[in-house]
Amino acid sequence: MILHVVNQAPDAGRTLEQVLSAMADDDCLLLIEDGVVGAMPTLAALFTALEGRRYVLREDLESRGLLGRQPEGFAIVDIDGFVNLTEEAAKTVSWY
């Protein structure tokens, strides 16, 4: 399993398109920094195919006033959860 970490908002270029096309069936996605905007209801449909494999960082949701606004299907992890995900992954790819 590869953990794909995205820090850009979905409307910031082609990063999201590229990461989604690069992901294998067992890979996971973690949205951090401005990437947490992708976990909002208007954009969540972009990640439907990743059911059970999509995560969003709590601290970045909180700092942007977005905590509690994401739909079901996004697992919220804190920094410790982020570390756990990286430990479980065979490798981590950061998309900036």
N, C-alpha and C. Protein backbone atom coordinates (compact mmCIF):
# COMPACT_ATOMS: atom_id res chain seq x y z
N MET A 1 0.84 -1.18 0.00
CA MET A 1 0.00 0.00 0.00
C MET A 1 0.88 1.24 0.00
N ILE A 2 0.52 2.18 -0.83
CA ILE A 2 1.19 3.48 -0.88
C ILE A 2 0.24 4.51 -0.28
N LEU A 3 0.78 5.36 0.57
CA LEU A 3 0.02 6.48 1.11
C LEU A 3 0.34 7.70 0.26
N HIS A 4 -0.69 8.25 -0.37
CA HIS A 4 -0.56 9.45 -1.19
C HIS A 4 -1.01 10.64 -0.35
N VAL A 5 -0.12 11.60 -0.14
CA VAL A 5 -0.40 12.76 0.69
C VAL A 5 -0.52 13.98 -0.23
N VAL A 6 -1.68 14.63 -0.17
CA VAL A 6 -1.96 15.78 -1.05
C VAL A 6 -2.16 17.03 -0.19
N ASN A 7 -1.39 18.07 -0.49
CA ASN A 7 -1.50 19.31 0.28
C ASN A 7 -2.14 20.45 -0.50
N GLN A 8 -2.57 20.20 -1.72
CA GLN A 8 -3.15 21.27 -2.55
C GLN A 8 -4.67 21.10 -2.65
N ALA A 9 -5.35 22.22 -2.72
CA ALA A 9 -6.80 22.20 -2.94
C ALA A 9 -7.08 21.60 -4.32
N PRO A 10 -8.22 20.94 -4.49
CA PRO A 10 -8.54 20.29 -5.76
C PRO A 10 -8.53 21.23 -6.97
N ASP A 11 -8.75 22.51 -6.75
CA ASP A 11 -8.78 23.43 -7.89
C ASP A 11 -7.42 24.06 -8.18
N ALA A 12 -6.36 23.56 -7.56
CA ALA A 12 -5.02 24.12 -7.74
C ALA A 12 -4.22 23.29 -8.74
N GLY A 13 -4.57 23.40 -9.98
CA GLY A 13 -3.84 22.69 -11.02
C GLY A 13 -4.35 21.27 -11.24
N ARG A 14 -3.46 20.43 -11.74
CA ARG A 14 -3.84 19.06 -12.11
C ARG A 14 -3.37 18.00 -11.11
N THR A 15 -2.92 18.43 -9.95
CA THR A 15 -2.37 17.49 -8.97
C THR A 15 -3.36 16.40 -8.61
N LEU A 16 -4.58 16.78 -8.31
CA LEU A 16 -5.58 15.79 -7.91
C LEU A 16 -5.84 14.77 -9.01
N GLU A 17 -5.98 15.24 -10.22
CA GLU A 17 -6.17 14.35 -11.37
C GLU A 17 -5.01 13.36 -11.48
N GLN A 18 -3.81 13.85 -11.30
CA GLN A 18 -2.62 13.00 -11.41
C GLN A 18 -2.54 11.97 -10.29
N VAL A 19 -2.83 12.39 -9.07
CA VAL A 19 -2.76 11.44 -7.96
C VAL A 19 -3.82 10.36 -8.09
N LEU A 20 -5.02 10.72 -8.48
CA LEU A 20 -6.09 9.73 -8.62
C LEU A 20 -5.77 8.72 -9.72
N SER A 21 -5.15 9.16 -10.78
CA SER A 21 -4.81 8.23 -11.86
C SER A 21 -3.61 7.35 -11.49
N ALA A 22 -2.79 7.79 -10.55
CA ALA A 22 -1.61 7.03 -10.14
C ALA A 22 -1.91 6.01 -9.04
N MET A 23 -3.06 6.12 -8.39
CA MET A 23 -3.36 5.27 -7.26
C MET A 23 -3.78 3.87 -7.67
N ALA A 24 -3.26 2.89 -6.94
CA ALA A 24 -3.66 1.49 -7.13
C ALA A 24 -4.85 1.20 -6.21
N ASP A 25 -5.45 0.04 -6.39
CA ASP A 25 -6.66 -0.32 -5.64
C ASP A 25 -6.46 -0.40 -4.14
N ASP A 26 -5.25 -0.62 -3.68
CA ASP A 26 -5.02 -0.72 -2.23
C ASP A 26 -4.33 0.51 -1.65
N ASP A 27 -4.10 1.53 -2.44
CA ASP A 27 -3.47 2.76 -1.96
C ASP A 27 -4.47 3.61 -1.17
N CYS A 28 -3.92 4.46 -0.30
CA CYS A 28 -4.73 5.36 0.51
C CYS A 28 -4.38 6.81 0.20
N LEU A 29 -5.33 7.69 0.48
CA LEU A 29 -5.15 9.12 0.23
C LEU A 29 -5.30 9.87 1.55
N LEU A 30 -4.38 10.77 1.82
CA LEU A 30 -4.47 11.64 2.99
C LEU A 30 -4.42 13.08 2.51
N LEU A 31 -5.46 13.84 2.86
CA LEU A 31 -5.53 15.26 2.51
C LEU A 31 -5.01 16.07 3.69
N ILE A 32 -4.03 16.95 3.42
CA ILE A 32 -3.47 17.81 4.45
C ILE A 32 -3.44 19.25 3.94
N GLU A 33 -3.09 20.17 4.83
CA GLU A 33 -2.96 21.59 4.50
C GLU A 33 -4.17 22.05 3.66
N ASP A 34 -3.95 22.72 2.52
CA ASP A 34 -5.08 23.19 1.71
C ASP A 34 -5.83 22.04 1.03
N GLY A 35 -5.23 20.88 1.00
CA GLY A 35 -5.89 19.71 0.41
C GLY A 35 -7.15 19.30 1.15
N VAL A 36 -7.29 19.69 2.43
CA VAL A 36 -8.48 19.30 3.20
C VAL A 36 -9.75 19.88 2.61
N VAL A 37 -9.64 20.90 1.79
CA VAL A 37 -10.81 21.47 1.12
C VAL A 37 -11.50 20.40 0.27
N GLY A 38 -10.74 19.43 -0.22
CA GLY A 38 -11.30 18.35 -1.01
C GLY A 38 -12.27 17.48 -0.24
N ALA A 39 -12.26 17.58 1.08
CA ALA A 39 -13.17 16.79 1.91
C ALA A 39 -14.50 17.50 2.17
N MET A 40 -14.72 18.61 1.52
CA MET A 40 -15.98 19.33 1.69
C MET A 40 -17.05 18.69 0.80
N PRO A 41 -18.32 18.79 1.19
CA PRO A 41 -19.40 18.11 0.47
C PRO A 41 -19.44 18.39 -1.03
N THR A 42 -19.12 19.60 -1.45
CA THR A 42 -19.21 19.94 -2.87
C THR A 42 -18.14 19.25 -3.70
N LEU A 43 -17.06 18.79 -3.07
CA LEU A 43 -15.96 18.17 -3.80
C LEU A 43 -15.77 16.69 -3.46
N ALA A 44 -16.44 16.19 -2.46
CA ALA A 44 -16.24 14.83 -1.98
C ALA A 44 -16.51 13.77 -3.04
N ALA A 45 -17.37 14.07 -4.00
CA ALA A 45 -17.68 13.11 -5.06
C ALA A 45 -16.45 12.75 -5.89
N LEU A 46 -15.45 13.60 -5.88
CA LEU A 46 -14.21 13.32 -6.61
C LEU A 46 -13.51 12.08 -6.06
N PHE A 47 -13.82 11.73 -4.81
CA PHE A 47 -13.11 10.66 -4.12
C PHE A 47 -13.98 9.43 -3.86
N THR A 48 -15.11 9.32 -4.54
CA THR A 48 -16.04 8.22 -4.32
C THR A 48 -15.37 6.86 -4.50
N ALA A 49 -14.52 6.73 -5.46
CA ALA A 49 -13.86 5.45 -5.73
C ALA A 49 -12.90 5.04 -4.63
N LEU A 50 -12.60 5.94 -3.72
CA LEU A 50 -11.64 5.65 -2.65
C LEU A 50 -12.31 5.34 -1.32
N GLU A 51 -13.53 4.93 -1.35
CA GLU A 51 -14.29 4.62 -0.13
C GLU A 51 -13.47 3.71 0.78
N GLY A 52 -13.33 4.12 2.04
CA GLY A 52 -12.57 3.36 3.02
C GLY A 52 -11.08 3.59 2.97
N ARG A 53 -10.64 4.43 2.03
CA ARG A 53 -9.20 4.66 1.87
C ARG A 53 -8.86 6.15 1.81
N ARG A 54 -9.76 6.98 2.32
CA ARG A 54 -9.53 8.42 2.25
C ARG A 54 -9.51 9.01 3.67
N TYR A 55 -8.49 9.79 3.91
CA TYR A 55 -8.25 10.36 5.23
C TYR A 55 -8.04 11.86 5.10
N VAL A 56 -8.32 12.56 6.18
CA VAL A 56 -8.13 14.01 6.21
C VAL A 56 -7.56 14.38 7.58
N LEU A 57 -6.63 15.31 7.60
CA LEU A 57 -5.92 15.67 8.82
C LEU A 57 -6.73 16.66 9.66
N ARG A 58 -7.02 16.23 10.90
CA ARG A 58 -7.84 17.02 11.83
C ARG A 58 -7.28 18.42 12.06
N GLU A 59 -6.01 18.52 12.33
CA GLU A 59 -5.42 19.82 12.65
C GLU A 59 -5.60 20.82 11.51
N ASP A 60 -5.52 20.34 10.28
CA ASP A 60 -5.69 21.25 9.14
C ASP A 60 -7.15 21.61 8.92
N LEU A 61 -8.06 20.68 9.21
CA LEU A 61 -9.49 21.02 9.18
C LEU A 61 -9.79 22.10 10.22
N GLU A 62 -9.28 21.89 11.42
CA GLU A 62 -9.53 22.85 12.51
C GLU A 62 -8.97 24.23 12.20
N SER A 63 -7.76 24.27 11.69
CA SER A 63 -7.12 25.57 11.43
C SER A 63 -7.84 26.36 10.34
N ARG A 64 -8.59 25.67 9.50
CA ARG A 64 -9.33 26.33 8.42
C ARG A 64 -10.82 26.48 8.74
N GLY A 65 -11.21 26.11 9.95
CA GLY A 65 -12.61 26.22 10.37
C GLY A 65 -13.52 25.25 9.64
N LEU A 66 -13.00 24.11 9.21
CA LEU A 66 -13.78 23.16 8.41
C LEU A 66 -14.14 21.87 9.14
N LEU A 67 -13.67 21.70 10.36
CA LEU A 67 -13.95 20.47 11.09
C LEU A 67 -15.45 20.30 11.30
N GLY A 68 -15.95 19.13 10.97
CA GLY A 68 -17.36 18.83 11.12
C GLY A 68 -18.18 19.11 9.87
N ARG A 69 -17.57 19.65 8.85
CA ARG A 69 -18.31 19.98 7.62
C ARG A 69 -18.15 18.91 6.54
N GLN A 70 -17.24 17.97 6.73
CA GLN A 70 -17.00 16.95 5.71
C GLN A 70 -18.07 15.85 5.82
N PRO A 71 -18.42 15.25 4.68
CA PRO A 71 -19.41 14.18 4.68
C PRO A 71 -18.81 12.89 5.21
N GLU A 72 -19.67 11.93 5.49
CA GLU A 72 -19.20 10.62 5.91
C GLU A 72 -18.32 10.04 4.81
N GLY A 73 -17.42 9.17 5.21
CA GLY A 73 -16.56 8.53 4.23
C GLY A 73 -15.13 9.01 4.28
N PHE A 74 -14.89 10.12 4.97
CA PHE A 74 -13.54 10.60 5.19
C PHE A 74 -13.18 10.30 6.64
N ALA A 75 -12.15 9.52 6.85
CA ALA A 75 -11.68 9.27 8.20
C ALA A 75 -10.81 10.44 8.63
N ILE A 76 -11.12 11.01 9.78
CA ILE A 76 -10.35 12.12 10.30
C ILE A 76 -9.25 11.55 11.19
N VAL A 77 -8.01 11.93 10.87
CA VAL A 77 -6.88 11.48 11.68
C VAL A 77 -6.13 12.70 12.21
N ASP A 78 -5.55 12.52 13.39
CA ASP A 78 -4.70 13.58 13.94
C ASP A 78 -3.26 13.28 13.54
N ILE A 79 -2.34 14.04 14.10
CA ILE A 79 -0.93 13.85 13.74
C ILE A 79 -0.46 12.43 14.05
N ASP A 80 -0.89 11.88 15.18
CA ASP A 80 -0.52 10.50 15.51
C ASP A 80 -1.08 9.53 14.47
N GLY A 81 -2.30 9.78 14.01
CA GLY A 81 -2.90 8.95 12.96
C GLY A 81 -2.13 9.06 11.66
N PHE A 82 -1.64 10.25 11.36
CA PHE A 82 -0.80 10.48 10.18
C PHE A 82 0.45 9.61 10.27
N VAL A 83 1.08 9.63 11.43
CA VAL A 83 2.28 8.81 11.64
C VAL A 83 1.95 7.33 11.48
N ASN A 84 0.83 6.89 12.05
CA ASN A 84 0.43 5.49 11.92
C ASN A 84 0.23 5.09 10.46
N LEU A 85 -0.40 5.96 9.69
CA LEU A 85 -0.60 5.67 8.27
C LEU A 85 0.74 5.53 7.54
N THR A 86 1.69 6.39 7.85
CA THR A 86 2.98 6.29 7.19
C THR A 86 3.72 5.02 7.59
N GLU A 87 3.53 4.59 8.83
CA GLU A 87 4.15 3.34 9.29
C GLU A 87 3.54 2.12 8.62
N GLU A 88 2.24 2.17 8.34
CA GLU A 88 1.55 1.05 7.70
C GLU A 88 1.83 0.95 6.21
N ALA A 89 2.18 2.06 5.61
CA ALA A 89 2.40 2.10 4.16
C ALA A 89 3.79 1.57 3.80
N ALA A 90 3.86 0.92 2.65
CA ALA A 90 5.15 0.47 2.12
C ALA A 90 5.99 1.67 1.73
N LYS A 91 5.33 2.71 1.23
CA LYS A 91 6.01 3.99 0.95
C LYS A 91 4.97 5.10 0.94
N THR A 92 5.48 6.31 1.01
CA THR A 92 4.63 7.50 1.02
C THR A 92 5.04 8.39 -0.14
N VAL A 93 4.04 8.89 -0.86
CA VAL A 93 4.28 9.82 -1.96
C VAL A 93 3.58 11.12 -1.62
N SER A 94 4.33 12.21 -1.62
CA SER A 94 3.77 13.53 -1.35
C SER A 94 3.55 14.25 -2.67
N TRP A 95 2.36 14.80 -2.82
CA TRP A 95 1.98 15.53 -4.04
C TRP A 95 1.86 17.00 -3.67
N TYR A 96 2.74 17.83 -4.26
CA TYR A 96 2.75 19.27 -3.98
C TYR A 96 2.61 20.05 -5.24
